[in-house]
């Protein structure tokens, strides 16, 4: 497996991974029209290109896919992002968000996610980041366990994430870096 930085040319592949992974993980929760609207709003070309240009977006691919033509996962690191639930006196700046972390279902369980997270954590530390955060669905136990292996823990704080008229309980996960 190799990891490369995403460019604008990768937007469609990222969008497809995001859509497929979101539907695989959460699709059963939502009405079809709400799910489709959410996907269209969050993973369209304009959004994906903007995020590629303003965040650190990395693809994980097979060793022979050096151009990133067929990635099977990606993560987005959002610089200078702080959850309103993270007081500055407790979580030092700079603070970054792990905005998205998606691995295709068929590549889960083969260390693709671990390799991508190790890479992401190296980039975060190289940037001198002191605090990181992400949100995770309260019932996504596999993801919670995964993040905890990397020292990113449930803060005890929660918030609501809306998809259409459906409210999901999200956990705020945080990590402090040396």
C-alpha atoms as a PDB file:
ATOM      1  CA  UNK A   1       0.000   0.000   0.000  1.00  0.00           C
ATOM      2  CA  UNK A   2       1.111   3.531  -0.756  1.00  0.00           C
ATOM      3  CA  UNK A   3      -0.220   6.872   0.396  1.00  0.00           C
ATOM      4  CA  UNK A   4      -0.248   9.947  -1.821  1.00  0.00           C
ATOM      5  CA  UNK A   5      -1.521  13.504  -1.542  1.00  0.00           C
ATOM      6  CA  UNK A   6      -4.798  14.083  -3.384  1.00  0.00           C
ATOM      7  CA  UNK A   7      -5.081  16.646  -6.160  1.00  0.00           C
ATOM      8  CA  UNK A   8      -8.134  18.055  -7.908  1.00  0.00           C
ATOM      9  CA  UNK A   9      -8.005  15.212 -10.430  1.00  0.00           C
ATOM     10  CA  UNK A  10      -8.897  12.797  -7.607  1.00  0.00           C
ATOM     11  CA  UNK A  11     -12.180  14.461  -6.636  1.00  0.00           C
ATOM     12  CA  UNK A  12     -14.434  11.885  -8.356  1.00  0.00           C
ATOM     13  CA  UNK A  13     -12.629   8.909  -6.794  1.00  0.00           C
ATOM     14  CA  UNK A  14     -12.824  10.544  -3.361  1.00  0.00           C
ATOM     15  CA  UNK A  15     -16.497  11.298  -3.849  1.00  0.00           C
ATOM     16  CA  UNK A  16     -17.242   7.700  -4.803  1.00  0.00           C
ATOM     17  CA  UNK A  17     -15.346   6.288  -1.802  1.00  0.00           C
ATOM     18  CA  UNK A  18     -17.132   8.735   0.509  1.00  0.00           C
ATOM     19  CA  UNK A  19     -20.562   7.910  -0.922  1.00  0.00           C
ATOM     20  CA  UNK A  20     -20.043   4.154  -0.846  1.00  0.00           C
ATOM     21  CA  UNK A  21     -18.550   4.128   2.642  1.00  0.00           C
ATOM     22  CA  UNK A  22     -21.219   6.446   4.031  1.00  0.00           C
ATOM     23  CA  UNK A  23     -24.010   4.301   2.569  1.00  0.00           C
ATOM     24  CA  UNK A  24     -22.370   1.051   3.756  1.00  0.00           C
ATOM     25  CA  UNK A  25     -22.002   2.392   7.292  1.00  0.00           C
ATOM     26  CA  UNK A  26     -25.006   4.655   7.770  1.00  0.00           C
ATOM     27  CA  UNK A  27     -27.419   4.095   4.887  1.00  0.00           C
ATOM     28  CA  UNK A  28     -29.775   1.922   6.926  1.00  0.00           C
ATOM     29  CA  UNK A  29     -30.485   4.843   9.273  1.00  0.00           C
ATOM     30  CA  UNK A  30     -31.979   7.328   6.824  1.00  0.00           C
ATOM     31  CA  UNK A  31     -34.904   7.774   4.486  1.00  0.00           C
ATOM     32  CA  UNK A  32     -33.750   7.339   0.875  1.00  0.00           C
ATOM     33  CA  UNK A  33     -34.437  10.968  -0.098  1.00  0.00           C
ATOM     34  CA  UNK A  34     -32.562  12.284   2.952  1.00  0.00           C
ATOM     35  CA  UNK A  35     -29.612  10.000   2.251  1.00  0.00           C
ATOM     36  CA  UNK A  36     -29.434  11.060  -1.403  1.00  0.00           C
ATOM     37  CA  UNK A  37     -29.686  14.764  -0.517  1.00  0.00           C
ATOM     38  CA  UNK A  38     -26.932  14.400   2.075  1.00  0.00           C
ATOM     39  CA  UNK A  39     -24.636  12.655  -0.384  1.00  0.00           C
ATOM     40  CA  UNK A  40     -25.282  15.287  -3.058  1.00  0.00           C
ATOM     41  CA  UNK A  41     -24.596  18.127  -0.602  1.00  0.00           C
ATOM     42  CA  UNK A  42     -21.461  16.683   1.001  1.00  0.00           C
ATOM     43  CA  UNK A  43     -19.676  14.843  -1.804  1.00  0.00           C
ATOM     44  CA  UNK A  44     -20.275  16.877  -4.967  1.00  0.00           C
ATOM     45  CA  UNK A  45     -17.479  18.169  -7.195  1.00  0.00           C
ATOM     46  CA  UNK A  46     -17.432  21.711  -5.802  1.00  0.00           C
ATOM     47  CA  UNK A  47     -17.213  20.511  -2.201  1.00  0.00           C
ATOM     48  CA  UNK A  48     -14.602  17.859  -2.886  1.00  0.00           C
ATOM     49  CA  UNK A  49     -12.368  20.162  -4.957  1.00  0.00           C
ATOM     50  CA  UNK A  50     -12.611  22.888  -2.311  1.00  0.00           C
ATOM     51  CA  UNK A  51     -11.643  20.428   0.420  1.00  0.00           C
ATOM     52  CA  UNK A  52      -8.736  19.050  -1.604  1.00  0.00           C
ATOM     53  CA  UNK A  53      -7.459  22.611  -2.026  1.00  0.00           C
ATOM     54  CA  UNK A  54      -7.939  23.720   1.599  1.00  0.00           C
ATOM     55  CA  UNK A  55      -7.275  20.564   3.611  1.00  0.00           C
ATOM     56  CA  UNK A  56      -4.577  17.913   3.652  1.00  0.00           C
ATOM     57  CA  UNK A  57      -6.195  15.013   1.788  1.00  0.00           C
ATOM     58  CA  UNK A  58      -4.355  11.711   1.423  1.00  0.00           C
ATOM     59  CA  UNK A  59      -5.264   8.621  -0.598  1.00  0.00           C
ATOM     60  CA  UNK A  60      -4.333   5.045   0.169  1.00  0.00           C
ATOM     61  CA  UNK A  61      -3.761   2.910  -2.933  1.00  0.00           C
ATOM     62  CA  UNK A  62      -2.189  -0.345  -4.021  1.00  0.00           C
ATOM     63  CA  UNK A  63       1.604  -0.243  -4.477  1.00  0.00           C
ATOM     64  CA  UNK A  64       1.392  -0.094  -8.267  1.00  0.00           C
ATOM     65  CA  UNK A  65      -1.124   2.802  -8.313  1.00  0.00           C
ATOM     66  CA  UNK A  66       1.327   5.689  -7.970  1.00  0.00           C
ATOM     67  CA  UNK A  67      -1.031   8.123  -9.733  1.00  0.00           C
ATOM     68  CA  UNK A  68      -3.897   7.342  -7.366  1.00  0.00           C
ATOM     69  CA  UNK A  69      -6.262   6.229 -10.108  1.00  0.00           C
ATOM     70  CA  UNK A  70      -7.997   3.607  -7.953  1.00  0.00           C
ATOM     71  CA  UNK A  71      -7.703   4.578  -4.278  1.00  0.00           C
ATOM     72  CA  UNK A  72      -9.530   2.490  -1.711  1.00  0.00           C
ATOM     73  CA  UNK A  73      -9.472   4.972   1.120  1.00  0.00           C
ATOM     74  CA  UNK A  74      -8.662   8.512   2.144  1.00  0.00           C
ATOM     75  CA  UNK A  75      -8.379  10.858   5.064  1.00  0.00           C
ATOM     76  CA  UNK A  76      -8.777  14.604   5.338  1.00  0.00           C
ATOM     77  CA  UNK A  77      -6.873  16.662   7.871  1.00  0.00           C
ATOM     78  CA  UNK A  78      -8.348  20.086   8.492  1.00  0.00           C
ATOM     79  CA  UNK A  79      -5.767  22.580   9.795  1.00  0.00           C
ATOM     80  CA  UNK A  80      -6.614  25.188  12.400  1.00  0.00           C
ATOM     81  CA  UNK A  81      -9.960  23.612  13.210  1.00  0.00           C
ATOM     82  CA  UNK A  82     -11.316  23.489  16.731  1.00  0.00           C
ATOM     83  CA  UNK A  83     -14.618  22.046  17.869  1.00  0.00           C
ATOM     84  CA  UNK A  84     -16.652  24.500  19.917  1.00  0.00           C
ATOM     85  CA  UNK A  85     -16.749  21.718  22.533  1.00  0.00           C
ATOM     86  CA  UNK A  86     -12.956  21.911  23.032  1.00  0.00           C
ATOM     87  CA  UNK A  87     -11.929  24.692  25.425  1.00  0.00           C
ATOM     88  CA  UNK A  88      -8.573  26.255  24.535  1.00  0.00           C
ATOM     89  CA  UNK A  89      -7.332  26.081  28.107  1.00  0.00           C
ATOM     90  CA  UNK A  90      -7.700  22.294  27.980  1.00  0.00           C
ATOM     91  CA  UNK A  91      -6.722  21.624  24.351  1.00  0.00           C
ATOM     92  CA  UNK A  92      -3.733  23.631  23.157  1.00  0.00           C
ATOM     93  CA  UNK A  93      -3.402  25.162  19.716  1.00  0.00           C
ATOM     94  CA  UNK A  94      -2.700  24.443  16.994  1.00  0.00           C
ATOM     95  CA  UNK A  95      -5.674  22.133  16.795  1.00  0.00           C
ATOM     96  CA  UNK A  96      -6.598  20.072  13.719  1.00  0.00           C
ATOM     97  CA  UNK A  97      -9.607  17.981  12.810  1.00  0.00           C
ATOM     98  CA  UNK A  98      -9.463  14.548  11.254  1.00  0.00           C
ATOM     99  CA  UNK A  99     -12.354  15.561   9.030  1.00  0.00           C
ATOM    100  CA  UNK A 100     -12.976  12.355   7.115  1.00  0.00           C
ATOM    101  CA  UNK A 101     -11.426   8.931   7.412  1.00  0.00           C
ATOM    102  CA  UNK A 102     -12.869   6.409   4.970  1.00  0.00           C
ATOM    103  CA  UNK A 103     -11.659   2.942   3.962  1.00  0.00           C
ATOM    104  CA  UNK A 104     -13.670   0.799   1.562  1.00  0.00           C
ATOM    105  CA  UNK A 105     -15.380  -2.115   3.266  1.00  0.00           C
ATOM    106  CA  UNK A 106     -13.393  -4.741   1.354  1.00  0.00           C
ATOM    107  CA  UNK A 107     -10.100  -3.209   2.560  1.00  0.00           C
ATOM    108  CA  UNK A 108     -11.055  -3.018   6.229  1.00  0.00           C
ATOM    109  CA  UNK A 109      -9.258  -5.490   8.468  1.00  0.00           C
ATOM    110  CA  UNK A 110      -6.054  -5.630   6.383  1.00  0.00           C
ATOM    111  CA  UNK A 111      -4.246  -2.722   8.121  1.00  0.00           C
ATOM    112  CA  UNK A 112      -5.081  -0.209   5.381  1.00  0.00           C
ATOM    113  CA  UNK A 113      -6.775   2.021   7.946  1.00  0.00           C
ATOM    114  CA  UNK A 114      -3.930   1.615  10.435  1.00  0.00           C
ATOM    115  CA  UNK A 115      -1.345   2.496   7.809  1.00  0.00           C
ATOM    116  CA  UNK A 116      -3.315   5.574   6.731  1.00  0.00           C
ATOM    117  CA  UNK A 117      -3.833   6.701  10.347  1.00  0.00           C
ATOM    118  CA  UNK A 118      -0.139   6.210  11.160  1.00  0.00           C
ATOM    119  CA  UNK A 119       0.700   8.352   8.136  1.00  0.00           C
ATOM    120  CA  UNK A 120      -1.859  11.001   9.143  1.00  0.00           C
ATOM    121  CA  UNK A 121      -0.539  11.143  12.700  1.00  0.00           C
ATOM    122  CA  UNK A 122       3.012  11.608  11.380  1.00  0.00           C
ATOM    123  CA  UNK A 123       1.863  14.560   9.231  1.00  0.00           C
ATOM    124  CA  UNK A 124      -0.021  16.043  12.184  1.00  0.00           C
ATOM    125  CA  UNK A 125       3.017  15.786  14.471  1.00  0.00           C
ATOM    126  CA  UNK A 126       5.344  17.202  11.788  1.00  0.00           C
ATOM    127  CA  UNK A 127       3.061  20.254  11.597  1.00  0.00           C
ATOM    128  CA  UNK A 128       3.490  20.879  15.326  1.00  0.00           C
ATOM    129  CA  UNK A 129      -0.158  20.233  16.123  1.00  0.00           C
ATOM    130  CA  UNK A 130      -0.949  20.030  19.849  1.00  0.00           C
ATOM    131  CA  UNK A 131      -4.572  18.808  19.786  1.00  0.00           C
ATOM    132  CA  UNK A 132      -6.677  16.779  17.368  1.00  0.00           C
ATOM    133  CA  UNK A 133     -10.339  15.930  17.215  1.00  0.00           C
ATOM    134  CA  UNK A 134     -12.917  14.073  15.206  1.00  0.00           C
ATOM    135  CA  UNK A 135     -16.533  13.074  15.467  1.00  0.00           C
ATOM    136  CA  UNK A 136     -17.706   9.488  15.514  1.00  0.00           C
ATOM    137  CA  UNK A 137     -21.236   8.113  15.513  1.00  0.00           C
ATOM    138  CA  UNK A 138     -22.195   6.855  18.964  1.00  0.00           C
ATOM    139  CA  UNK A 139     -22.998   3.389  17.591  1.00  0.00           C
ATOM    140  CA  UNK A 140     -19.930   2.981  15.376  1.00  0.00           C
ATOM    141  CA  UNK A 141     -18.079   0.819  17.889  1.00  0.00           C
ATOM    142  CA  UNK A 142     -15.514  -0.431  15.408  1.00  0.00           C
ATOM    143  CA  UNK A 143     -14.427   3.122  14.551  1.00  0.00           C
ATOM    144  CA  UNK A 144     -14.341   4.093  18.225  1.00  0.00           C
ATOM    145  CA  UNK A 145     -12.058   1.168  19.045  1.00  0.00           C
ATOM    146  CA  UNK A 146      -9.860   2.003  16.049  1.00  0.00           C
ATOM    147  CA  UNK A 147      -9.380   5.663  17.039  1.00  0.00           C
ATOM    148  CA  UNK A 148      -8.661   4.714  20.645  1.00  0.00           C
ATOM    149  CA  UNK A 149      -5.701   2.607  19.460  1.00  0.00           C
ATOM    150  CA  UNK A 150      -4.157   5.879  18.274  1.00  0.00           C
ATOM    151  CA  UNK A 151      -4.740   7.756  21.520  1.00  0.00           C
ATOM    152  CA  UNK A 152      -7.849   9.563  20.289  1.00  0.00           C
ATOM    153  CA  UNK A 153     -10.431   9.111  23.039  1.00  0.00           C
ATOM    154  CA  UNK A 154     -14.044   9.978  23.779  1.00  0.00           C
ATOM    155  CA  UNK A 155     -14.052  13.352  25.520  1.00  0.00           C
ATOM    156  CA  UNK A 156     -17.369  12.663  27.221  1.00  0.00           C
ATOM    157  CA  UNK A 157     -18.975  15.339  25.044  1.00  0.00           C
ATOM    158  CA  UNK A 158     -21.671  14.715  22.455  1.00  0.00           C
ATOM    159  CA  UNK A 159     -23.507  16.619  19.763  1.00  0.00           C
ATOM    160  CA  UNK A 160     -26.173  16.038  17.143  1.00  0.00           C
ATOM    161  CA  UNK A 161     -25.457  15.403  13.462  1.00  0.00           C
ATOM    162  CA  UNK A 162     -28.472  15.800  11.193  1.00  0.00           C
ATOM    163  CA  UNK A 163     -29.207  13.948   7.982  1.00  0.00           C
ATOM    164  CA  UNK A 164     -32.573  15.206   6.798  1.00  0.00           C
ATOM    165  CA  UNK A 165     -34.958  14.825   9.733  1.00  0.00           C
ATOM    166  CA  UNK A 166     -32.847  12.144  11.397  1.00  0.00           C
ATOM    167  CA  UNK A 167     -30.665  13.135  14.362  1.00  0.00           C
ATOM    168  CA  UNK A 168     -27.555  11.080  15.090  1.00  0.00           C
ATOM    169  CA  UNK A 169     -25.773  11.219  18.417  1.00  0.00           C
ATOM    170  CA  UNK A 170     -22.099  11.910  17.747  1.00  0.00           C
ATOM    171  CA  UNK A 171     -19.205  11.567  20.172  1.00  0.00           C
ATOM    172  CA  UNK A 172     -16.403  14.115  20.251  1.00  0.00           C
ATOM    173  CA  UNK A 173     -13.105  12.233  20.221  1.00  0.00           C
ATOM    174  CA  UNK A 174      -9.939  14.140  21.117  1.00  0.00           C
ATOM    175  CA  UNK A 175      -6.225  13.625  21.367  1.00  0.00           C
ATOM    176  CA  UNK A 176      -3.413  15.641  22.894  1.00  0.00           C
ATOM    177  CA  UNK A 177      -0.012  15.506  21.247  1.00  0.00           C
ATOM    178  CA  UNK A 178       3.404  16.271  22.704  1.00  0.00           C
END
